[in-house]
Amino acid sequence: MKKFTIVNLILLLVLIVALTASRLLAAQNALDFVAIQKTAEQGDVDAQFTLGAMYHIGQDVPQDHAKAMQWYQKAAEQGHAVAQFVLGGAYASGQGVPQDHAKAVQWLEKAAGQGDAHAQYALGDMYRVGRGVPQDAAKAIHWFQKAAEQGNVYGQVNLGGMYASGQGVPQNHAKAVQWFEKAAGQGDAKAQYILGVMYMRGEGAIQDKQKGCGLLRASADQGNETAIKVYNDFCIAK
């Protein structure tokens, strides 16, 4: 299973956001490029974001990341939270703009402050690893928690990991299990694997090998190679 870095994962989330925007527009038969461009040029924030998404994905126009970021920036400067997240992700990954982690953090902070869960997760991870900001586990926890409470699976996994390791908070396996449970319930393979191991060991929960093996199998079925190995070693009768 491919292992994502924070930059790769932010870029993936940015692409998902742009794809979702373009598909929604297509479903609404709203993809009239000339009309959207005219409205965007008149300063309409939603049209600016839409035009950015169209250039980002190449929907009815040639794909052009630089133009996409220009329109996202116009929308972001008007306070469009999703555009702010996308622009932050672009600076983190260097897509359409020169890579600049400090600028990435600036835009992610604006979006996170408006409650965007993707931005809250991404900002938390920037603080966790110290990219664009001084490393700060307490601030990482703060933003992971906000994202996790909105149901963001990456926030839930990372918050569980912080409680499991005691990074930025007192180590608490029971709380780790609670957050891994939420992420595993959304089908996250990493959370399923970690939670499976915790049940096998009785960490943070009553030991339950049957439940542990079930979670390991669910993770393995998604291609998690570590889960496959652990499942084969401990859950299949020899």
Protein backbone atom coordinates (compact mmCIF):
# COMPACT_ATOMS: atom_id res chain seq x y z
CA MET A 1 0.00 0.00 0.00
CA LYS A 2 1.38 3.42 -0.99
CA LYS A 3 2.61 5.47 1.92
CA PHE A 4 1.67 9.16 1.74
CA THR A 5 3.79 12.03 2.97
CA ILE A 6 1.96 15.06 4.34
CA VAL A 7 2.59 16.94 1.07
CA ASN A 8 1.27 14.08 -1.06
CA LEU A 9 -1.78 13.69 1.14
CA ILE A 10 -2.56 17.42 1.06
CA LEU A 11 -2.25 17.33 -2.73
CA LEU A 12 -4.61 14.36 -2.87
CA LEU A 13 -7.16 16.21 -0.74
CA VAL A 14 -6.83 19.28 -2.98
CA LEU A 15 -7.53 17.16 -6.06
CA ILE A 16 -10.55 15.56 -4.37
CA VAL A 17 -11.95 19.01 -3.54
CA ALA A 18 -11.47 20.24 -7.10
CA LEU A 19 -12.93 17.08 -8.62
CA THR A 20 -15.95 17.30 -6.33
CA ALA A 21 -16.52 20.92 -7.32
CA SER A 22 -16.30 20.13 -11.04
CA ARG A 23 -18.59 17.10 -10.79
CA LEU A 24 -21.16 19.09 -8.84
CA LEU A 25 -21.14 21.73 -11.53
CA ALA A 26 -21.53 19.11 -14.24
CA ALA A 27 -24.47 17.57 -12.40
CA GLN A 28 -26.11 21.00 -12.23
CA ASN A 29 -25.43 21.68 -15.94
CA ALA A 30 -23.64 24.81 -14.80
CA LEU A 31 -20.45 24.45 -16.85
CA ASP A 32 -20.82 27.43 -19.17
CA PHE A 33 -17.20 28.55 -19.24
CA VAL A 34 -17.80 31.95 -20.87
CA ALA A 35 -20.55 32.89 -18.43
CA ILE A 36 -18.55 31.69 -15.42
CA GLN A 37 -15.45 33.55 -16.56
CA LYS A 38 -17.43 36.76 -17.05
CA THR A 39 -18.98 36.44 -13.59
CA ALA A 40 -15.59 35.65 -12.05
CA GLU A 41 -14.03 38.70 -13.68
CA GLN A 42 -16.80 40.80 -12.12
CA GLY A 43 -15.59 39.64 -8.71
CA ASP A 44 -18.07 36.88 -7.85
CA VAL A 45 -16.23 34.69 -5.32
CA ASP A 46 -18.04 31.44 -6.14
CA ALA A 47 -17.42 31.91 -9.85
CA GLN A 48 -13.75 32.57 -9.15
CA PHE A 49 -13.47 29.33 -7.20
CA THR A 50 -15.41 27.47 -9.89
CA LEU A 51 -13.13 28.80 -12.62
CA GLY A 52 -10.12 27.73 -10.58
CA ALA A 53 -11.56 24.22 -10.28
CA MET A 54 -12.22 24.07 -14.03
CA TYR A 55 -8.63 24.97 -14.87
CA HIS A 56 -7.37 22.65 -12.13
CA ILE A 57 -9.14 19.60 -13.50
CA GLY A 58 -9.26 20.60 -17.16
CA GLN A 59 -13.07 20.72 -17.22
CA ASP A 60 -14.12 22.31 -20.55
CA VAL A 61 -10.75 24.12 -20.73
CA PRO A 62 -7.14 22.92 -21.14
CA GLN A 63 -5.75 21.97 -17.74
CA ASP A 64 -3.64 24.83 -16.41
CA HIS A 65 -2.53 24.71 -12.76
CA ALA A 66 -1.04 28.21 -12.84
CA LYS A 67 -4.33 29.74 -14.03
CA ALA A 68 -6.21 27.59 -11.53
CA MET A 69 -4.16 29.01 -8.69
CA GLN A 70 -4.66 32.58 -9.92
CA TRP A 71 -8.42 32.16 -9.67
CA TYR A 72 -8.25 30.26 -6.40
CA GLN A 73 -6.18 33.12 -5.00
CA LYS A 74 -8.78 35.69 -6.03
CA ALA A 75 -11.47 33.64 -4.26
CA ALA A 76 -9.22 33.01 -1.26
CA GLU A 77 -8.52 36.71 -0.85
CA GLN A 78 -12.28 37.25 -0.62
CA GLY A 79 -12.49 34.74 2.22
CA HIS A 80 -13.56 31.58 0.35
CA ALA A 81 -12.51 28.88 2.84
CA VAL A 82 -12.21 26.01 0.37
CA ALA A 83 -10.17 28.16 -2.00
CA GLN A 84 -7.91 29.06 0.92
CA PHE A 85 -7.40 25.36 1.66
CA VAL A 86 -6.69 24.54 -1.98
CA LEU A 87 -4.23 27.43 -2.25
CA GLY A 88 -2.50 26.31 0.94
CA GLY A 89 -2.27 22.80 -0.45
CA ALA A 90 -0.83 24.15 -3.69
CA TYR A 91 1.93 26.02 -1.84
CA ALA A 92 2.65 22.91 0.25
CA SER A 93 3.02 20.73 -2.84
CA GLY A 94 4.33 23.28 -5.36
CA GLN A 95 1.49 22.66 -7.80
CA GLY A 96 0.88 25.73 -9.96
CA VAL A 97 2.94 27.94 -7.64
CA PRO A 98 6.49 27.78 -6.28
CA GLN A 99 6.59 25.52 -3.22
CA ASP A 100 6.50 27.68 -0.10
CA HIS A 101 5.62 26.00 3.19
CA ALA A 102 5.32 29.30 5.08
CA LYS A 103 2.71 30.56 2.59
CA ALA A 104 1.01 27.17 2.76
CA VAL A 105 0.60 27.58 6.50
CA GLN A 106 -0.73 31.13 6.12
CA TRP A 107 -3.54 30.00 3.81
CA LEU A 108 -4.26 26.82 5.75
CA GLU A 109 -4.61 28.89 8.93
CA LYS A 110 -7.20 31.13 7.25
CA ALA A 111 -9.23 28.13 6.04
CA ALA A 112 -8.86 26.24 9.31
CA GLY A 113 -10.00 29.31 11.23
CA GLN A 114 -13.21 29.24 9.17
CA GLY A 115 -13.81 25.62 10.12
CA ASP A 116 -12.59 23.79 7.00
CA ALA A 117 -11.83 20.27 8.28
CA HIS A 118 -9.32 19.41 5.54
CA ALA A 119 -7.37 22.56 6.35
CA GLN A 120 -7.52 21.84 10.07
CA TYR A 121 -6.04 18.39 9.51
CA ALA A 122 -3.38 19.69 7.10
CA LEU A 123 -2.40 22.52 9.44
CA GLY A 124 -2.14 20.05 12.31
CA ASP A 125 0.26 17.91 10.34
CA MET A 126 2.36 20.93 9.37
CA TYR A 127 2.74 21.68 13.09
CA ARG A 128 3.38 18.00 13.86
CA VAL A 129 6.35 17.74 11.50
CA GLY A 130 7.48 21.38 11.71
CA ARG A 131 7.00 22.26 8.06
CA GLY A 132 6.54 26.00 7.47
CA VAL A 133 6.24 26.55 11.23
CA PRO A 134 8.24 25.53 14.30
CA GLN A 135 7.33 22.00 15.34
CA ASP A 136 4.61 22.20 17.99
CA ALA A 137 2.87 19.03 19.16
CA ALA A 138 0.32 20.94 21.23
CA LYS A 139 -0.83 22.97 18.22
CA ALA A 140 -0.89 19.80 16.13
CA ILE A 141 -3.21 18.21 18.68
CA HIS A 142 -5.41 21.33 18.69
CA TRP A 143 -5.99 21.22 14.94
CA PHE A 144 -6.25 17.43 14.69
CA GLN A 145 -8.94 17.54 17.37
CA LYS A 146 -10.95 20.17 15.51
CA ALA A 147 -10.73 18.19 12.28
CA ALA A 148 -11.48 14.88 14.01
CA GLU A 149 -14.56 16.28 15.72
CA GLN A 150 -15.92 17.18 12.29
CA GLY A 151 -15.46 13.60 11.16
CA ASN A 152 -12.25 14.11 9.20
CA VAL A 153 -10.72 10.65 9.04
CA TYR A 154 -7.11 11.89 8.76
CA GLY A 155 -7.59 14.05 11.82
CA GLN A 156 -9.02 11.07 13.69
CA VAL A 157 -6.12 8.79 12.74
CA ASN A 158 -3.49 11.36 13.66
CA LEU A 159 -5.20 12.27 16.92
CA GLY A 160 -5.34 8.59 17.82
CA GLY A 161 -1.67 8.30 17.01
CA MET A 162 -0.77 11.24 19.22
CA TYR A 163 -2.64 9.74 22.17
CA ALA A 164 -1.09 6.32 21.52
CA SER A 165 2.45 7.72 21.52
CA GLY A 166 1.97 10.45 24.11
CA GLN A 167 3.11 13.14 21.69
CA GLY A 168 1.77 16.51 22.79
CA VAL A 169 -0.63 14.90 25.28
CA PRO A 170 -0.31 12.42 28.13
CA GLN A 171 -0.23 8.92 26.67
CA ASN A 172 -3.74 7.48 26.79
CA HIS A 173 -4.41 4.23 24.96
CA ALA A 174 -8.13 4.33 25.74
CA LYS A 175 -8.51 7.69 23.99
CA ALA A 176 -6.35 6.42 21.15
CA VAL A 177 -8.73 3.50 20.70
CA GLN A 178 -11.73 5.85 20.66
CA TRP A 179 -10.32 7.88 17.79
CA PHE A 180 -9.02 4.89 15.87
CA GLU A 181 -12.50 3.35 16.20
CA LYS A 182 -14.04 6.38 14.53
CA ALA A 183 -11.53 6.32 11.67
CA ALA A 184 -11.78 2.55 11.26
CA GLY A 185 -15.55 2.91 11.10
CA GLN A 186 -15.03 5.13 8.06
CA GLY A 187 -12.98 2.40 6.43
CA ASP A 188 -9.50 3.79 6.98
CA ALA A 189 -7.03 0.94 6.47
CA LYS A 190 -4.33 2.40 8.70
CA ALA A 191 -6.75 2.86 11.60
CA GLN A 192 -8.11 -0.65 11.11
CA TYR A 193 -4.60 -2.09 11.29
CA ILE A 194 -3.52 -0.13 14.38
CA LEU A 195 -6.80 -0.77 16.15
CA GLY A 196 -6.58 -4.47 15.30
CA VAL A 197 -3.14 -4.69 16.87
CA MET A 198 -4.35 -2.81 19.97
CA TYR A 199 -7.21 -5.27 20.43
CA MET A 200 -4.84 -8.19 19.94
CA ARG A 201 -2.60 -6.81 22.69
CA GLY A 202 -5.33 -5.46 24.94
CA GLU A 203 -4.02 -1.90 24.74
CA GLY A 204 -6.66 0.69 25.60
CA ALA A 205 -9.41 -1.91 25.44
CA ILE A 206 -10.17 -5.38 26.73
CA GLN A 207 -8.14 -7.91 24.77
CA ASP A 208 -10.28 -9.35 21.98
CA LYS A 209 -8.35 -11.40 19.44
CA GLN A 210 -11.43 -12.13 17.35
CA LYS A 211 -12.19 -8.43 16.96
CA GLY A 212 -8.51 -7.72 16.38
CA CYS A 213 -8.30 -10.27 13.61
CA GLY A 214 -11.46 -8.89 12.03
CA LEU A 215 -9.94 -5.44 11.87
CA LEU A 216 -6.64 -6.76 10.56
CA ARG A 217 -8.53 -8.64 7.85
CA ALA A 218 -10.46 -5.49 6.89
CA SER A 219 -7.20 -3.57 6.58
CA ALA A 220 -5.53 -6.41 4.69
CA ASP A 221 -8.44 -6.54 2.25
CA GLN A 222 -7.59 -2.93 1.33
CA GLY A 223 -4.05 -3.94 0.46
CA ASN A 224 -2.25 -2.95 3.68
CA GLU A 225 0.83 -5.16 3.40
CA THR A 226 1.72 -4.94 7.09
CA ALA A 227 -1.83 -5.95 8.03
CA ILE A 228 -1.64 -8.88 5.59
CA LYS A 229 1.54 -10.15 7.25
CA VAL A 230 0.25 -9.73 10.82
CA TYR A 231 -3.07 -11.33 9.92
CA ASN A 232 -1.35 -14.31 8.32
CA ASP A 233 1.06 -14.69 11.26
CA PHE A 234 -1.45 -14.41 14.10
CA CYS A 235 -4.96 -15.01 12.80
CA ILE A 236 -4.70 -17.96 10.45
CA ALA A 237 -4.61 -21.36 12.15
CA LYS A 238 -1.34 -23.13 11.50
